[in-house]
């Protein structure tokens, strides 16, 4: 790959429709049980051969928080360094559309796109990257394994067990609203642990499977009733802007609202894409806020 030739991958945002945080596992990470769906929008990750040392560069519009991550702290950079390949001469350019510290998996999606891109590229060159190196690269972030699997999936373990679900995307619309402040994932887990006098999540796997069925049958009211996120109560307690964002989405017509991942973005659920798009036009955003209308993506 030289000159202007480039390989481009879409790094889709993800949404946890149910997120249950279980007890600590071996190694100090929390166990999780989650149903995740991909969204149609995401970052654009371009791998090109421009010569010189390996670089990971980020760019994006001023209204998308998170384009200033130091290169060597970027999950895409860290994942690439674990692939066991000669990276000299390659540049990765990430065009950011997913805000950081929003719970939408932007950094992990970028890393997964880099892994998939280099895997495809070196396979075409007749120098396939080993599955061991792919697995090693995927471990730099707990959401990367989920982002390696397109469409809907159930995620368990510490994020490393991913089961693809052959579900077509339902025709529902989403309105995402991120308050000015982000929520670092480590801080969200700390707050959750501190606020859990009664132990880990008591939510049941049965409800998760019921939600899968509701998506499969396109039962919108039932799906809305089964949305769940263990982080939501504690994050809203510490970050009032998150609770306010949910109230604003309900006022805009959302049938249900849900904290995205560990926050701080909130999703409003609408029965149609048109309804979500109309609500976005009416929603006023203040300084430092970010919002977009979107929908689920097919695998």
Protein backbone atom coordinates (compact mmCIF):
# COMPACT_ATOMS: atom_id res chain seq x y z
CA UNK A 1 0.00 0.00 0.00
CA UNK A 2 1.65 3.20 -1.13
CA UNK A 3 0.77 6.75 -2.07
CA UNK A 4 -2.89 7.63 -2.18
CA UNK A 5 -4.09 4.01 -2.03
CA UNK A 6 -6.04 3.51 1.19
CA UNK A 7 -8.23 0.99 2.98
CA UNK A 8 -11.23 2.47 4.79
CA UNK A 9 -13.31 0.86 7.54
CA UNK A 10 -16.41 2.18 9.30
CA UNK A 11 -16.14 2.03 13.08
CA UNK A 12 -19.79 1.92 14.14
CA UNK A 13 -21.06 3.32 17.42
CA UNK A 14 -22.68 0.77 19.71
CA UNK A 15 -25.58 0.91 22.16
CA UNK A 16 -26.02 -1.28 25.23
CA UNK A 17 -29.74 -2.05 25.36
CA UNK A 18 -29.26 -3.96 28.58
CA UNK A 19 -26.13 -3.63 30.69
CA UNK A 20 -25.75 -5.64 33.86
CA UNK A 21 -22.54 -5.28 35.86
CA UNK A 22 -21.73 -8.42 37.83
CA UNK A 23 -19.06 -9.13 40.45
CA UNK A 24 -15.31 -8.76 40.08
CA UNK A 25 -13.65 -11.51 38.08
CA UNK A 26 -10.12 -12.93 38.20
CA UNK A 27 -7.78 -10.14 37.19
CA UNK A 28 -9.80 -7.41 38.85
CA UNK A 29 -12.22 -6.69 36.00
CA UNK A 30 -15.99 -6.62 36.42
CA UNK A 31 -18.13 -9.28 34.84
CA UNK A 32 -20.87 -8.03 32.53
CA UNK A 33 -23.95 -9.32 30.76
CA UNK A 34 -25.16 -7.09 27.97
CA UNK A 35 -27.20 -6.93 24.81
CA UNK A 36 -25.53 -4.60 22.31
CA UNK A 37 -26.66 -3.29 18.95
CA UNK A 38 -24.61 -1.43 16.33
CA UNK A 39 -25.75 1.99 15.13
CA UNK A 40 -25.56 3.21 11.53
CA UNK A 41 -23.23 6.12 12.25
CA UNK A 42 -19.63 5.89 13.29
CA UNK A 43 -16.05 6.99 12.80
CA UNK A 44 -14.20 6.51 9.53
CA UNK A 45 -10.85 4.76 9.88
CA UNK A 46 -8.42 4.98 6.97
CA UNK A 47 -5.19 2.97 6.73
CA UNK A 48 -2.71 4.21 4.14
CA UNK A 49 0.94 3.79 3.23
CA UNK A 50 2.57 7.22 3.33
CA UNK A 51 6.07 6.35 4.44
CA UNK A 52 7.84 7.33 7.61
CA UNK A 53 7.07 6.10 11.13
CA UNK A 54 3.72 4.61 12.09
CA UNK A 55 1.18 7.27 13.05
CA UNK A 56 -2.40 7.37 14.32
CA UNK A 57 -3.98 10.74 13.58
CA UNK A 58 -7.41 11.98 14.62
CA UNK A 59 -9.56 14.66 13.07
CA UNK A 60 -13.15 15.79 13.49
CA UNK A 61 -15.46 18.74 13.69
CA UNK A 62 -15.41 21.01 16.72
CA UNK A 63 -18.82 19.76 17.91
CA UNK A 64 -17.57 16.19 18.43
CA UNK A 65 -15.75 15.91 21.79
CA UNK A 66 -12.63 13.77 21.93
CA UNK A 67 -10.39 14.49 18.96
CA UNK A 68 -7.52 15.50 21.24
CA UNK A 69 -6.62 12.07 22.67
CA UNK A 70 -2.81 11.68 22.85
CA UNK A 71 -1.68 9.34 20.08
CA UNK A 72 -0.02 6.76 22.31
CA UNK A 73 -3.04 6.59 24.61
CA UNK A 74 -5.39 5.94 21.69
CA UNK A 75 -6.83 2.40 21.75
CA UNK A 76 -6.34 2.20 17.97
CA UNK A 77 -2.61 2.84 18.41
CA UNK A 78 -2.31 0.38 21.30
CA UNK A 79 -4.19 -2.33 19.39
CA UNK A 80 -2.06 -1.89 16.26
CA UNK A 81 1.13 -2.25 18.30
CA UNK A 82 0.00 -5.71 19.47
CA UNK A 83 -0.64 -7.14 16.00
CA UNK A 84 2.90 -8.42 15.57
CA UNK A 85 3.39 -6.76 12.16
CA UNK A 86 5.81 -4.22 10.73
CA UNK A 87 3.91 -0.94 10.99
CA UNK A 88 6.59 1.29 9.49
CA UNK A 89 5.24 3.37 6.63
CA UNK A 90 1.59 3.08 7.67
CA UNK A 91 -0.64 5.93 8.77
CA UNK A 92 -4.05 5.52 10.41
CA UNK A 93 -6.38 8.51 10.11
CA UNK A 94 -9.53 8.50 12.25
CA UNK A 95 -12.30 10.89 11.30
CA UNK A 96 -14.26 11.23 14.53
CA UNK A 97 -18.02 11.36 14.61
CA UNK A 98 -18.52 9.42 17.86
CA UNK A 99 -17.91 11.59 20.95
CA UNK A 100 -15.64 10.25 23.67
CA UNK A 101 -16.71 9.49 27.25
CA UNK A 102 -20.23 9.02 25.92
CA UNK A 103 -20.73 5.26 26.39
CA UNK A 104 -20.99 4.70 22.63
CA UNK A 105 -17.79 2.66 22.29
CA UNK A 106 -16.00 5.06 19.96
CA UNK A 107 -12.44 4.26 21.01
CA UNK A 108 -13.08 0.53 20.99
CA UNK A 109 -14.81 0.73 17.60
CA UNK A 110 -11.79 2.56 16.19
CA UNK A 111 -9.43 -0.08 17.57
CA UNK A 112 -11.58 -2.89 16.17
CA UNK A 113 -11.61 -1.20 12.75
CA UNK A 114 -7.81 -0.93 12.83
CA UNK A 115 -7.50 -4.62 13.73
CA UNK A 116 -9.92 -5.64 10.96
CA UNK A 117 -8.24 -3.34 8.47
CA UNK A 118 -4.71 -4.62 9.05
CA UNK A 119 -6.00 -8.20 9.17
CA UNK A 120 -7.61 -7.78 5.72
CA UNK A 121 -4.61 -5.96 4.32
CA UNK A 122 -2.00 -8.49 5.42
CA UNK A 123 -4.19 -11.40 4.36
CA UNK A 124 -4.24 -9.96 0.84
CA UNK A 125 -0.47 -9.70 1.00
CA UNK A 126 -0.22 -13.39 1.84
CA UNK A 127 1.03 -12.62 5.36
CA UNK A 128 -2.00 -13.32 7.54
CA UNK A 129 -1.97 -12.02 11.11
CA UNK A 130 -2.27 -14.86 13.61
CA UNK A 131 -5.43 -15.23 15.67
CA UNK A 132 -3.24 -15.02 18.78
CA UNK A 133 -2.09 -11.53 17.79
CA UNK A 134 -5.65 -10.50 16.90
CA UNK A 135 -6.81 -11.68 20.34
CA UNK A 136 -3.94 -9.83 22.02
CA UNK A 137 -4.82 -6.62 20.19
CA UNK A 138 -8.48 -7.01 21.17
CA UNK A 139 -7.58 -7.15 24.85
CA UNK A 140 -6.38 -3.54 25.04
CA UNK A 141 -10.01 -2.50 25.62
CA UNK A 142 -12.87 -4.52 27.13
CA UNK A 143 -15.38 -3.39 24.46
CA UNK A 144 -13.15 -4.23 21.48
CA UNK A 145 -14.26 -7.90 21.18
CA UNK A 146 -17.89 -6.74 20.92
CA UNK A 147 -16.93 -4.16 18.28
CA UNK A 148 -15.25 -6.91 16.26
CA UNK A 149 -18.68 -8.54 15.77
CA UNK A 150 -21.18 -6.71 13.57
CA UNK A 151 -24.87 -6.29 14.38
CA UNK A 152 -26.59 -7.43 17.57
CA UNK A 153 -24.71 -9.50 20.12
CA UNK A 154 -24.80 -10.75 23.69
CA UNK A 155 -21.62 -9.98 25.62
CA UNK A 156 -20.59 -11.79 28.79
CA UNK A 157 -17.51 -12.50 30.90
CA UNK A 158 -15.33 -9.39 31.14
CA UNK A 159 -16.42 -8.42 27.64
CA UNK A 160 -14.43 -11.21 26.02
CA UNK A 161 -17.33 -13.61 25.38
CA UNK A 162 -19.37 -12.39 22.41
CA UNK A 163 -22.29 -14.22 20.79
CA UNK A 164 -23.65 -12.85 17.51
CA UNK A 165 -27.43 -12.69 17.14
CA UNK A 166 -28.88 -12.96 13.62
CA UNK A 167 -31.39 -10.15 14.20
CA UNK A 168 -32.36 -7.69 11.48
CA UNK A 169 -32.29 -4.05 12.57
CA UNK A 170 -35.71 -2.94 13.88
CA UNK A 171 -37.21 0.17 12.23
CA UNK A 172 -36.91 2.29 15.37
CA UNK A 173 -35.29 5.70 15.59
CA UNK A 174 -32.90 6.96 18.22
CA UNK A 175 -32.03 10.45 19.39
CA UNK A 176 -28.69 10.65 21.20
CA UNK A 177 -27.86 13.55 23.52
CA UNK A 178 -24.49 13.98 25.24
CA UNK A 179 -24.25 16.61 27.99
CA UNK A 180 -21.19 18.90 28.07
CA UNK A 181 -19.34 16.69 30.56
CA UNK A 182 -18.19 13.16 29.78
CA UNK A 183 -18.06 10.25 32.23
CA UNK A 184 -14.73 8.34 32.29
CA UNK A 185 -15.44 4.60 32.33
CA UNK A 186 -13.15 3.94 35.32
CA UNK A 187 -14.96 6.64 37.31
CA UNK A 188 -18.35 5.13 36.44
CA UNK A 189 -17.25 1.73 37.77
CA UNK A 190 -15.85 3.33 40.92
CA UNK A 191 -19.12 5.13 41.55
CA UNK A 192 -21.10 1.96 40.90
CA UNK A 193 -19.03 -0.08 43.35
CA UNK A 194 -19.24 2.64 45.99
CA UNK A 195 -23.02 2.81 45.70
CA UNK A 196 -23.65 -0.92 45.81
CA UNK A 197 -24.19 -1.87 49.41
CA UNK A 198 -26.35 -4.77 48.27
CA UNK A 199 -23.87 -6.39 45.89
CA UNK A 200 -23.89 -6.84 42.12
CA UNK A 201 -26.79 -6.55 39.71
CA UNK A 202 -29.94 -8.51 40.52
CA UNK A 203 -31.24 -8.13 36.95
CA UNK A 204 -32.08 -11.44 35.31
CA UNK A 205 -30.86 -13.11 32.15
CA UNK A 206 -34.51 -13.89 31.39
CA UNK A 207 -35.21 -10.20 30.83
CA UNK A 208 -32.29 -9.97 28.41
CA UNK A 209 -33.65 -12.87 26.37
CA UNK A 210 -37.12 -11.31 26.45
CA UNK A 211 -35.62 -8.14 25.00
CA UNK A 212 -34.00 -10.16 22.22
CA UNK A 213 -37.42 -11.62 21.43
CA UNK A 214 -39.03 -8.15 21.44
CA UNK A 215 -36.45 -6.90 18.92
CA UNK A 216 -36.97 -9.99 16.76
CA UNK A 217 -40.75 -9.49 16.72
CA UNK A 218 -40.41 -5.68 16.47
CA UNK A 219 -42.50 -5.21 19.60
CA UNK A 220 -41.53 -1.61 20.36
CA UNK A 221 -43.49 -1.10 23.62
CA UNK A 222 -42.21 -4.38 25.05
CA UNK A 223 -38.63 -3.55 24.06
CA UNK A 224 -38.89 -0.14 25.71
CA UNK A 225 -40.08 -1.76 28.95
CA UNK A 226 -37.03 -4.04 29.05
CA UNK A 227 -34.25 -1.46 28.57
CA UNK A 228 -31.85 -1.50 31.51
CA UNK A 229 -28.49 -0.10 32.63
CA UNK A 230 -26.91 -0.69 36.03
CA UNK A 231 -24.89 2.52 35.70
CA UNK A 232 -27.88 4.79 35.19
CA UNK A 233 -28.98 5.50 38.82
CA UNK A 234 -25.50 6.23 40.17
CA UNK A 235 -24.33 8.25 37.16
CA UNK A 236 -27.48 10.38 37.30
CA UNK A 237 -26.93 10.94 41.03
CA UNK A 238 -23.41 12.28 40.53
CA UNK A 239 -23.96 13.94 37.14
CA UNK A 240 -27.33 15.77 37.23
CA UNK A 241 -26.90 16.81 33.58
CA UNK A 242 -27.46 13.16 32.60
CA UNK A 243 -30.82 13.03 34.39
CA UNK A 244 -31.72 16.36 32.79
CA UNK A 245 -30.81 14.99 29.35
CA UNK A 246 -33.19 12.06 29.85
CA UNK A 247 -35.97 14.46 30.87
CA UNK A 248 -35.36 16.58 27.77
CA UNK A 249 -35.56 13.54 25.50
CA UNK A 250 -38.84 12.47 27.07
CA UNK A 251 -40.15 15.99 26.57
CA UNK A 252 -39.07 15.72 22.91
CA UNK A 253 -41.34 12.69 22.50
CA UNK A 254 -39.09 9.71 23.29
CA UNK A 255 -41.10 6.66 24.37
CA UNK A 256 -38.19 5.55 26.57
CA UNK A 257 -34.72 6.77 27.51
CA UNK A 258 -31.54 4.97 28.53
CA UNK A 259 -28.03 5.89 29.60
CA UNK A 260 -25.57 4.75 26.93
CA UNK A 261 -23.00 2.39 28.44
CA UNK A 262 -21.23 4.09 31.34
CA UNK A 263 -22.34 7.51 30.04
CA UNK A 264 -22.61 10.38 29.66
CA UNK A 265 -24.67 10.14 26.44
CA UNK A 266 -28.39 9.33 26.73
CA UNK A 267 -30.53 7.63 24.07
CA UNK A 268 -34.16 8.42 23.40
CA UNK A 269 -36.20 5.70 21.64
CA UNK A 270 -38.75 6.53 18.92
CA UNK A 271 -40.98 4.15 16.99
CA UNK A 272 -39.76 5.49 13.62
CA UNK A 273 -36.64 7.11 12.16
CA UNK A 274 -38.78 10.03 10.98
CA UNK A 275 -39.98 10.71 14.53
CA UNK A 276 -36.40 10.71 15.85
CA UNK A 277 -35.26 13.04 13.06
CA UNK A 278 -38.15 15.43 13.75
CA UNK A 279 -37.33 15.46 17.46
CA UNK A 280 -33.70 16.28 16.66
CA UNK A 281 -34.76 19.33 14.68
CA UNK A 282 -36.76 20.59 17.64
CA UNK A 283 -34.15 19.77 20.29
CA UNK A 284 -32.07 22.76 21.32
CA UNK A 285 -28.50 22.00 22.33
CA UNK A 286 -26.34 24.23 24.48
CA UNK A 287 -22.62 24.92 24.49
CA UNK A 288 -20.58 21.74 24.73
CA UNK A 289 -23.54 19.46 24.05
CA UNK A 290 -23.75 17.01 21.17
CA UNK A 291 -26.81 15.35 19.63
CA UNK A 292 -27.69 13.25 16.59
CA UNK A 293 -30.60 11.20 15.26
CA UNK A 294 -29.69 7.69 14.18
CA UNK A 295 -30.95 4.09 14.06
CA UNK A 296 -29.77 0.50 14.41
CA UNK A 297 -27.61 -1.12 11.74
CA UNK A 298 -27.86 -4.54 10.16
CA UNK A 299 -24.86 -6.82 10.54
